[in-house]
Amino acid sequence: MANEEKFAPVEGKYLSYMEQPLVREGHTICYGDKSEKCFLILEIMSYKKERGYDLPEKIFIQVVDSKDPGKIIKQGEKEGLSNALSIGMIWLERANRA
């Protein structure tokens, strides 16, 4: 019973950014509406210490097909979460318009 509760789906509202859902689990961040053509996956590959905090350093970016998450539309790597999210959002917007 305890394992079922641990992996139960999250209920309620999700955090959103720029009116799109933003969900983090471990080192993986998913951004975008999965009912659209594509969504974004940001994988935190490494961290750096700054003022006593672990901040994401290297981020692997993937734009993924919503119907087939194994199909990667575009991928790349950026330094810093802000840079990765910015370029990822541009790629995602272009992929969803295509």
Protein backbone atom coordinates (compact mmCIF):
# COMPACT_ATOMS: atom_id res chain seq x y z
CA MET A 1 0.00 0.00 0.00
CA ALA A 2 2.82 2.42 0.81
CA ASN A 3 4.38 1.98 -2.66
CA GLU A 4 1.07 2.75 -4.34
CA GLU A 5 0.80 6.02 -2.41
CA LYS A 6 4.40 6.96 -3.27
CA PHE A 7 3.77 6.71 -7.03
CA ALA A 8 0.20 8.01 -7.07
CA PRO A 9 -0.48 10.77 -9.62
CA VAL A 10 -0.30 14.32 -8.32
CA GLU A 11 -3.72 15.85 -7.94
CA GLY A 12 -4.59 19.51 -7.97
CA LYS A 13 -3.06 22.38 -9.87
CA TYR A 14 0.38 22.24 -11.42
CA LEU A 15 2.88 25.04 -11.33
CA SER A 16 2.70 26.99 -14.55
CA TYR A 17 5.08 29.29 -16.36
CA MET A 18 3.96 31.50 -19.25
CA GLU A 19 0.55 29.79 -19.04
CA GLN A 20 2.03 26.31 -19.64
CA PRO A 21 2.31 23.47 -17.08
CA LEU A 22 5.74 23.04 -15.47
CA VAL A 23 6.42 19.82 -13.54
CA ARG A 24 9.68 18.68 -11.91
CA GLU A 25 10.50 15.22 -10.65
CA GLY A 26 14.07 14.62 -9.52
CA HIS A 27 16.44 15.94 -12.19
CA THR A 28 13.77 16.09 -14.91
CA ILE A 29 11.56 19.07 -15.75
CA CYS A 30 8.63 18.73 -18.16
CA TYR A 31 7.19 21.89 -19.67
CA GLY A 32 4.23 22.35 -21.97
CA ASP A 33 0.75 21.04 -22.54
CA LYS A 34 0.81 17.36 -23.48
CA SER A 35 -2.43 17.81 -25.42
CA GLU A 36 -0.47 19.89 -27.95
CA LYS A 37 1.74 18.43 -30.67
CA CYS A 38 4.99 18.55 -28.61
CA PHE A 39 6.26 19.21 -25.10
CA LEU A 40 9.66 20.02 -23.59
CA ILE A 41 11.89 17.90 -21.35
CA LEU A 42 14.80 19.49 -19.50
CA GLU A 43 17.21 17.02 -17.89
CA ILE A 44 19.59 18.51 -15.30
CA MET A 45 22.95 16.86 -15.98
CA SER A 46 25.10 18.66 -13.38
CA TYR A 47 24.93 21.21 -10.59
CA LYS A 48 27.28 23.92 -9.33
CA LYS A 49 27.56 25.32 -5.80
CA GLU A 50 26.84 29.01 -5.43
CA ARG A 51 26.38 30.70 -2.05
CA GLY A 52 25.70 27.33 -0.47
CA TYR A 53 23.02 26.29 -2.97
CA ASP A 54 23.14 23.63 -5.70
CA LEU A 55 22.15 25.36 -8.94
CA PRO A 56 21.53 23.54 -12.23
CA GLU A 57 24.54 23.94 -14.52
CA LYS A 58 24.36 21.71 -17.60
CA ILE A 59 20.89 21.10 -18.97
CA PHE A 60 19.98 18.63 -21.73
CA ILE A 61 16.99 19.93 -23.74
CA GLN A 62 14.55 17.79 -25.75
CA VAL A 63 11.42 18.69 -27.68
CA VAL A 64 9.37 15.48 -27.72
CA ASP A 65 6.32 14.36 -29.70
CA SER A 66 3.29 14.18 -27.36
CA LYS A 67 1.78 11.13 -29.07
CA ASP A 68 5.09 9.23 -29.18
CA PRO A 69 7.44 10.41 -26.37
CA GLY A 70 10.20 8.23 -27.84
CA LYS A 71 10.26 10.49 -30.90
CA ILE A 72 12.62 13.42 -30.31
CA ILE A 73 11.97 16.45 -32.54
CA LYS A 74 14.99 18.52 -31.45
CA GLN A 75 17.64 18.29 -28.75
CA GLY A 76 20.62 20.21 -27.42
CA GLU A 77 22.51 21.28 -24.33
CA LYS A 78 22.80 24.64 -22.57
CA GLU A 79 24.51 26.07 -19.50
CA GLY A 80 22.07 27.25 -16.83
CA LEU A 81 18.39 26.58 -16.34
CA SER A 82 17.30 30.02 -17.53
CA ASN A 83 19.18 29.67 -20.84
CA ALA A 84 17.92 26.12 -21.35
CA LEU A 85 14.30 27.03 -20.66
CA SER A 86 14.49 30.10 -22.92
CA ILE A 87 15.84 28.23 -25.94
CA GLY A 88 13.62 25.23 -25.21
CA MET A 89 10.50 27.40 -25.21
CA ILE A 90 11.47 28.83 -28.61
CA TRP A 91 12.02 25.33 -30.03
CA LEU A 92 8.75 24.15 -28.51
CA GLU A 93 6.75 27.03 -29.98
CA ARG A 94 8.22 26.40 -33.44
CA ALA A 95 7.59 22.64 -33.22
CA ASN A 96 3.97 23.13 -32.16
CA ARG A 97 3.36 25.58 -35.06
CA ALA A 98 4.89 23.27 -37.70
